[in-house]
Amino acid sequence: MARALVTGGNGFVGSHLAEFLAAAGDDVTVFDVAPPSVELSGSLRFLQGDVRDEEAVAKAFTHGFDTVYHLSAVVGVDRYLAVPADVVEINTLGTLNLLRQSHAAGAKIVVASTSEVYGKNPVTPWHEDADRVLGSTSVDRWSYSTSKALAEHLTFAYIRQHGLRAAIVRYFNVYGPRQRPAYVVSRSVHRALRGLAPQAYDSGAQTRCFTFVEDAVRGTALVGASPSSEGECFNIGSDRESTVAEVVSMICELTGVRFPPAGLDTAAMLGASYQDIPRRVPDASKARKMLGWEAVTPLQSGIGRTIEWARANPWWLES
């Protein structure tokens, strides 16, 4: 039985990961500022705390862990624009605290990062060593990308300078049950099941590679369990590209919505603080070759399962 710590384990991906690890027989501790969102059992426990609080993090490590999965973050464009200071502090100070404690404890750490680090690099698909292309630091849109990149720099620095056993995963548009209704799939499902027209940002011609949460969790756990992953970074995402308009249309069809999606002008709604990315496509060959991992859930199947879960959980539809 491995002993695992999951920071941000009450969040969307974190809660699925905590449940996955516990079901696989690991002894799992969730560390989060929010109260538990998953059912606790003998092998799944909860500690409340903020990753920015060095004392609280150090206290958590007295429980002893073999592997740390660091998923704590402020996620979502709406939050990047609303609380950019929290975004930067959690991604930098929080990561530094987790790296220090993991090193002191001799634990391996898997740091969750994001496709956002590539910014608006126009050359796709993005491999793990691709260049980063970002906008001005005065644009809050890029605070998440920059702070996650700094978290990666800190991780690689601890690997090279201190011999820390660590790896990085970059998620690409993960979706599925329990996700906050602020993203393309979750927002569209939420609106459709409440009898509202789904919204397609701008033209809907932007492309994304949507990754079902179970695939992302399986990839993350493989990185945690694989000695060959140490010192490496992996794109964790589907490489099947879809336009936002196609995804919204699929959700309309699967939910039985008969009215056309409503257009949403992001420039008018969000102003100059937001900049969209026209294409976001990973090169997932490294994870396939080194870990034997790939995203296997077809988009229609994953969306169907998300809709089924949403219908069975009316509390989510009321949120």
Protein backbone atom coordinates (compact mmCIF):
# COMPACT_ATOMS: atom_id res chain seq x y z
CA MET A 1 0.00 0.00 0.00
CA ALA A 2 1.47 3.34 -1.10
CA ARG A 3 0.87 6.45 0.98
CA ALA A 4 -0.23 9.35 -1.22
CA LEU A 5 -0.94 13.03 -0.60
CA VAL A 6 -3.25 14.83 -3.05
CA THR A 7 -3.24 18.62 -2.69
CA GLY A 8 -6.32 20.20 -4.19
CA GLY A 9 -7.97 16.84 -3.68
CA ASN A 10 -11.40 18.41 -3.29
CA GLY A 11 -11.20 19.99 -6.73
CA PHE A 12 -12.40 18.54 -10.00
CA VAL A 13 -9.40 16.47 -11.15
CA GLY A 14 -8.03 16.11 -7.62
CA SER A 15 -11.17 14.46 -6.23
CA HIS A 16 -11.28 11.96 -9.10
CA LEU A 17 -7.58 11.22 -8.58
CA ALA A 18 -8.01 10.71 -4.83
CA GLU A 19 -10.85 8.25 -5.41
CA PHE A 20 -8.87 6.43 -8.13
CA LEU A 21 -5.82 5.98 -5.90
CA ALA A 22 -7.91 4.84 -2.92
CA ALA A 23 -9.77 2.32 -5.10
CA ALA A 24 -6.38 0.99 -6.27
CA GLY A 25 -5.45 0.28 -2.64
CA ASP A 26 -3.38 3.35 -1.76
CA ASP A 27 -3.64 5.12 1.58
CA VAL A 28 -4.71 8.63 0.45
CA THR A 29 -4.72 11.96 2.27
CA VAL A 30 -6.50 14.94 0.69
CA PHE A 31 -5.10 18.38 1.58
CA ASP A 32 -7.32 21.31 0.61
CA VAL A 33 -8.75 24.61 1.88
CA ALA A 34 -12.27 23.52 0.94
CA PRO A 35 -14.27 20.91 2.88
CA PRO A 36 -14.34 17.34 1.53
CA SER A 37 -16.14 16.78 -1.77
CA VAL A 38 -15.55 13.03 -1.88
CA GLU A 39 -16.78 10.28 0.42
CA LEU A 40 -14.16 9.59 3.07
CA SER A 41 -13.27 6.04 4.09
CA GLY A 42 -10.56 4.23 6.00
CA SER A 43 -8.05 4.67 3.14
CA LEU A 44 -9.17 8.19 2.19
CA ARG A 45 -8.81 10.98 4.75
CA PHE A 46 -8.90 14.78 4.76
CA LEU A 47 -6.64 17.51 6.15
CA GLN A 48 -7.74 21.14 5.84
CA GLY A 49 -5.09 23.68 4.98
CA ASP A 50 -3.72 26.18 2.47
CA VAL A 51 -0.67 25.22 0.40
CA ARG A 52 0.60 28.79 0.86
CA ASP A 53 0.85 28.11 4.61
CA GLU A 54 4.31 26.60 5.11
CA GLU A 55 3.49 25.44 8.64
CA ALA A 56 0.29 23.69 7.58
CA VAL A 57 2.08 21.91 4.74
CA ALA A 58 4.93 20.81 7.03
CA LYS A 59 2.39 19.50 9.56
CA ALA A 60 0.64 17.48 6.83
CA PHE A 61 3.94 15.79 5.96
CA THR A 62 4.28 14.38 9.47
CA HIS A 63 1.81 11.71 8.30
CA GLY A 64 4.49 10.33 5.96
CA PHE A 65 3.98 9.99 2.19
CA ASP A 66 5.63 8.02 -0.59
CA THR A 67 4.10 10.07 -3.44
CA VAL A 68 2.69 13.59 -3.57
CA TYR A 69 0.28 14.74 -6.27
CA HIS A 70 0.24 18.53 -6.25
CA LEU A 71 -2.99 19.72 -7.91
CA SER A 72 -3.84 22.79 -5.80
CA ALA A 73 -4.54 25.76 -8.08
CA VAL A 74 -7.01 28.52 -8.91
CA VAL A 75 -8.42 27.37 -12.26
CA GLY A 76 -10.68 29.00 -14.85
CA VAL A 77 -10.41 32.14 -16.98
CA ASP A 78 -13.09 33.83 -14.86
CA ARG A 79 -10.91 33.35 -11.78
CA TYR A 80 -7.68 34.37 -13.54
CA LEU A 81 -9.37 37.71 -14.21
CA ALA A 82 -11.05 38.02 -10.79
CA VAL A 83 -8.26 36.95 -8.39
CA PRO A 84 -4.94 37.08 -10.29
CA ALA A 85 -2.92 37.54 -7.09
CA ASP A 86 -4.34 34.30 -5.64
CA VAL A 87 -3.53 32.52 -8.91
CA VAL A 88 0.14 33.55 -8.76
CA GLU A 89 0.59 32.99 -5.01
CA ILE A 90 -0.92 29.49 -4.96
CA ASN A 91 0.94 28.34 -8.05
CA THR A 92 4.32 29.68 -6.89
CA LEU A 93 4.40 29.78 -3.08
CA GLY A 94 2.25 26.66 -2.80
CA THR A 95 4.45 24.72 -5.20
CA LEU A 96 7.64 25.86 -3.46
CA ASN A 97 6.28 24.65 -0.09
CA LEU A 98 5.36 21.26 -1.56
CA LEU A 99 8.74 20.86 -3.28
CA ARG A 100 10.63 21.67 -0.09
CA GLN A 101 8.63 19.27 2.04
CA SER A 102 8.74 16.49 -0.56
CA HIS A 103 12.52 16.83 -0.76
CA ALA A 104 12.88 16.76 3.03
CA ALA A 105 10.62 13.71 3.27
CA GLY A 106 12.24 11.83 0.38
CA ALA A 107 8.88 11.62 -1.37
CA LYS A 108 8.27 11.71 -5.10
CA ILE A 109 6.11 14.60 -6.28
CA VAL A 110 3.97 14.92 -9.41
CA VAL A 111 3.25 18.58 -10.16
CA ALA A 112 0.13 19.33 -12.18
CA SER A 113 0.63 21.96 -14.84
CA THR A 114 -1.36 23.00 -17.88
CA SER A 115 -1.47 23.41 -21.64
CA GLU A 116 -1.73 27.14 -20.86
CA VAL A 117 2.06 27.25 -20.44
CA TYR A 118 2.41 27.12 -24.24
CA GLY A 119 0.43 30.35 -24.48
CA LYS A 120 -0.41 31.27 -28.05
CA ASN A 121 2.40 29.43 -29.82
CA PRO A 122 0.96 29.08 -33.35
CA VAL A 123 2.95 25.94 -34.23
CA THR A 124 0.93 22.87 -33.23
CA PRO A 125 0.93 20.14 -32.06
CA TRP A 126 2.85 21.26 -29.00
CA HIS A 127 5.54 18.86 -27.78
CA GLU A 128 6.85 19.18 -24.23
CA ASP A 129 9.86 21.29 -25.26
CA ALA A 130 7.92 23.67 -27.51
CA ASP A 131 8.43 27.41 -27.12
CA ARG A 132 6.13 29.52 -24.97
CA VAL A 133 4.49 32.54 -26.63
CA LEU A 134 2.66 34.87 -24.26
CA GLY A 135 1.07 38.31 -24.15
CA SER A 136 1.89 41.26 -21.93
CA THR A 137 2.30 40.85 -18.16
CA SER A 138 -0.30 43.62 -17.79
CA VAL A 139 -2.93 41.21 -19.18
CA ASP A 140 -4.29 39.10 -16.31
CA ARG A 141 -5.15 36.35 -18.79
CA TRP A 142 -1.52 35.23 -18.70
CA SER A 143 -1.08 35.10 -14.91
CA TYR A 144 -2.02 31.41 -14.78
CA SER A 145 0.29 30.44 -17.64
CA THR A 146 3.23 32.38 -16.21
CA SER A 147 2.80 31.17 -12.64
CA LYS A 148 2.41 27.55 -13.74
CA ALA A 149 5.57 27.92 -15.84
CA LEU A 150 7.40 29.27 -12.78
CA ALA A 151 6.12 26.26 -10.81
CA GLU A 152 7.65 24.05 -13.52
CA HIS A 153 10.94 25.97 -13.33
CA LEU A 154 11.00 25.46 -9.56
CA THR A 155 10.32 21.75 -10.02
CA PHE A 156 13.10 21.27 -12.58
CA ALA A 157 15.45 23.34 -10.38
CA TYR A 158 14.79 21.07 -7.39
CA ILE A 159 15.33 18.01 -9.57
CA ARG A 160 18.68 19.26 -10.87
CA GLN A 161 20.00 21.07 -7.80
CA HIS A 162 18.66 18.88 -5.00
CA GLY A 163 18.03 15.50 -6.63
CA LEU A 164 14.28 15.68 -5.95
CA ARG A 165 12.27 12.82 -7.46
CA ALA A 166 9.64 14.71 -9.41
CA ALA A 167 7.66 14.83 -12.65
CA ILE A 168 5.26 17.27 -14.31
CA VAL A 169 1.97 16.65 -16.09
CA ARG A 170 0.36 19.20 -18.39
CA TYR A 171 -3.40 18.75 -18.73
CA PHE A 172 -5.29 19.55 -21.92
CA ASN A 173 -8.95 20.61 -21.55
CA VAL A 174 -10.02 18.00 -19.04
CA TYR A 175 -13.79 17.58 -18.64
CA GLY A 176 -16.25 15.26 -16.93
CA PRO A 177 -18.54 14.81 -13.90
CA ARG A 178 -18.22 17.31 -11.02
CA GLN A 179 -16.48 20.02 -13.06
CA ARG A 180 -17.49 23.57 -12.18
CA PRO A 181 -19.86 24.87 -14.91
CA ALA A 182 -17.40 27.46 -16.20
CA TYR A 183 -15.78 25.56 -19.07
CA VAL A 184 -16.85 24.62 -22.59
CA VAL A 185 -18.29 21.17 -21.81
CA SER A 186 -19.49 21.72 -18.24
CA ARG A 187 -21.01 25.14 -18.96
CA SER A 188 -22.80 23.88 -22.08
CA VAL A 189 -24.18 20.80 -20.30
CA HIS A 190 -25.26 22.95 -17.35
CA ARG A 191 -27.13 25.40 -19.57
CA ALA A 192 -28.70 22.76 -21.82
CA LEU A 193 -30.11 20.73 -18.93
CA ARG A 194 -31.59 23.91 -17.43
CA GLY A 195 -33.36 24.73 -20.69
CA LEU A 196 -30.98 27.51 -21.71
CA ALA A 197 -29.22 27.88 -25.03
CA PRO A 198 -25.57 26.76 -24.79
CA GLN A 199 -23.07 29.50 -25.56
CA ALA A 200 -20.30 29.39 -28.14
CA TYR A 201 -17.57 31.93 -27.47
CA ASP A 202 -17.02 34.19 -30.48
CA SER A 203 -17.21 32.16 -33.71
CA GLY A 204 -16.80 28.76 -32.04
CA ALA A 205 -14.08 27.98 -34.60
CA GLN A 206 -11.40 27.64 -31.88
CA THR A 207 -10.15 24.08 -31.58
CA ARG A 208 -9.41 22.12 -28.44
CA CYS A 209 -8.47 18.53 -27.60
CA PHE A 210 -10.92 17.48 -24.89
CA THR A 211 -9.70 14.87 -22.39
CA PHE A 212 -12.10 12.86 -20.24
CA VAL A 213 -11.20 13.10 -16.55
CA GLU A 214 -10.76 9.33 -16.12
CA ASP A 215 -8.08 9.34 -18.84
CA ALA A 216 -6.30 12.31 -17.23
CA VAL A 217 -6.38 10.64 -13.80
CA ARG A 218 -5.05 7.36 -15.17
CA GLY A 219 -2.18 9.22 -16.84
CA THR A 220 -1.37 11.11 -13.66
CA ALA A 221 -1.30 7.93 -11.58
CA LEU A 222 0.98 6.27 -14.14
CA VAL A 223 3.42 9.18 -13.86
CA GLY A 224 3.36 8.82 -10.08
CA ALA A 225 4.01 5.09 -10.21
CA SER A 226 6.67 5.04 -12.96
CA PRO A 227 10.34 5.48 -11.96
CA SER A 228 11.14 6.40 -15.59
CA SER A 229 8.92 9.49 -15.30
CA GLU A 230 11.23 11.18 -12.81
CA GLY A 231 12.79 14.35 -14.19
CA GLU A 232 10.31 14.42 -17.07
CA CYS A 233 7.31 16.46 -18.22
CA PHE A 234 4.33 14.89 -20.01
CA ASN A 235 1.45 16.23 -22.05
CA ILE A 236 -1.67 14.52 -20.71
CA GLY A 237 -4.34 15.10 -23.29
CA SER A 238 -6.27 13.76 -26.20
CA ASP A 239 -4.75 14.55 -29.58
CA ARG A 240 -8.16 14.51 -31.32
CA GLU A 241 -9.01 18.06 -32.29
CA SER A 242 -12.57 19.46 -32.24
CA THR A 243 -13.96 22.95 -32.68
CA VAL A 244 -15.86 24.49 -29.81
CA ALA A 245 -18.88 24.79 -32.12
CA GLU A 246 -18.78 21.03 -32.80
CA VAL A 247 -18.68 20.24 -29.08
CA VAL A 248 -21.56 22.58 -28.27
CA SER A 249 -23.58 21.08 -31.13
CA MET A 250 -22.88 17.56 -29.83
CA ILE A 251 -24.11 18.56 -26.37
CA CYS A 252 -27.28 20.03 -27.87
CA GLU A 253 -27.92 16.76 -29.72
CA LEU A 254 -27.24 14.53 -26.68
CA THR A 255 -29.42 16.62 -24.36
CA GLY A 256 -32.22 17.12 -26.88
CA VAL A 257 -31.86 20.90 -27.01
CA ARG A 258 -33.61 22.19 -30.11
CA PHE A 259 -32.54 25.84 -30.22
CA PRO A 260 -29.25 27.06 -31.72
CA PRO A 261 -26.29 27.99 -29.49
CA ALA A 262 -26.07 31.63 -28.51
CA GLY A 263 -22.98 33.54 -29.61
CA LEU A 264 -20.88 35.28 -26.95
CA ASP A 265 -18.54 38.17 -27.75
CA THR A 266 -15.60 37.74 -25.37
CA ALA A 267 -14.13 41.15 -26.25
CA ALA A 268 -17.35 42.87 -25.20
CA MET A 269 -17.83 40.68 -22.11
CA LEU A 270 -14.26 40.40 -20.79
CA GLY A 271 -12.46 43.32 -22.39
CA ALA A 272 -8.75 43.60 -23.11
CA SER A 273 -7.83 41.47 -20.07
CA TYR A 274 -8.78 38.33 -21.99
CA GLN A 275 -7.14 36.87 -25.09
CA ASP A 276 -8.27 33.62 -26.69
CA ILE A 277 -6.09 30.88 -28.17
CA PRO A 278 -7.24 29.67 -31.61
CA ARG A 279 -5.73 26.16 -31.43
CA ARG A 280 -4.59 23.99 -28.54
CA VAL A 281 -3.25 20.61 -29.64
CA PRO A 282 -0.77 18.39 -27.76
CA ASP A 283 1.84 16.02 -29.06
CA ALA A 284 1.03 13.13 -26.73
CA SER A 285 3.60 10.71 -28.16
CA LYS A 286 5.98 10.97 -25.19
CA ALA A 287 3.37 9.69 -22.72
CA ARG A 288 2.43 6.96 -25.19
CA LYS A 289 6.03 5.77 -25.62
CA MET A 290 7.28 6.12 -22.04
CA LEU A 291 4.14 5.28 -20.05
CA GLY A 292 1.95 3.34 -22.46
CA TRP A 293 -0.73 5.99 -21.87
CA GLU A 294 -3.17 7.61 -24.23
CA ALA A 295 -6.61 9.19 -23.98
CA VAL A 296 -9.02 6.42 -24.98
CA THR A 297 -12.48 7.83 -24.19
CA PRO A 298 -14.28 9.05 -27.33
CA LEU A 299 -15.60 12.60 -26.97
CA GLN A 300 -19.24 11.60 -27.51
CA SER A 301 -18.97 8.87 -24.88
CA GLY A 302 -17.33 11.17 -22.34
CA ILE A 303 -19.89 13.92 -22.88
CA GLY A 304 -22.70 11.35 -22.64
CA ARG A 305 -21.39 10.15 -19.28
CA THR A 306 -21.05 13.74 -18.08
CA ILE A 307 -24.68 14.45 -19.03
CA GLU A 308 -25.84 11.26 -17.32
CA TRP A 309 -24.03 12.27 -14.12
CA ALA A 310 -25.43 15.82 -14.26
CA ARG A 311 -29.00 14.53 -14.59
CA ALA A 312 -28.46 12.31 -11.55
CA ASN A 313 -27.09 15.20 -9.46
CA PRO A 314 -29.58 18.07 -9.43
CA TRP A 315 -27.52 19.96 -6.83
CA TRP A 316 -24.94 20.59 -9.56
CA LEU A 317 -27.57 21.96 -11.93
CA GLU A 318 -28.68 24.39 -9.19
CA SER A 319 -25.15 25.71 -8.70
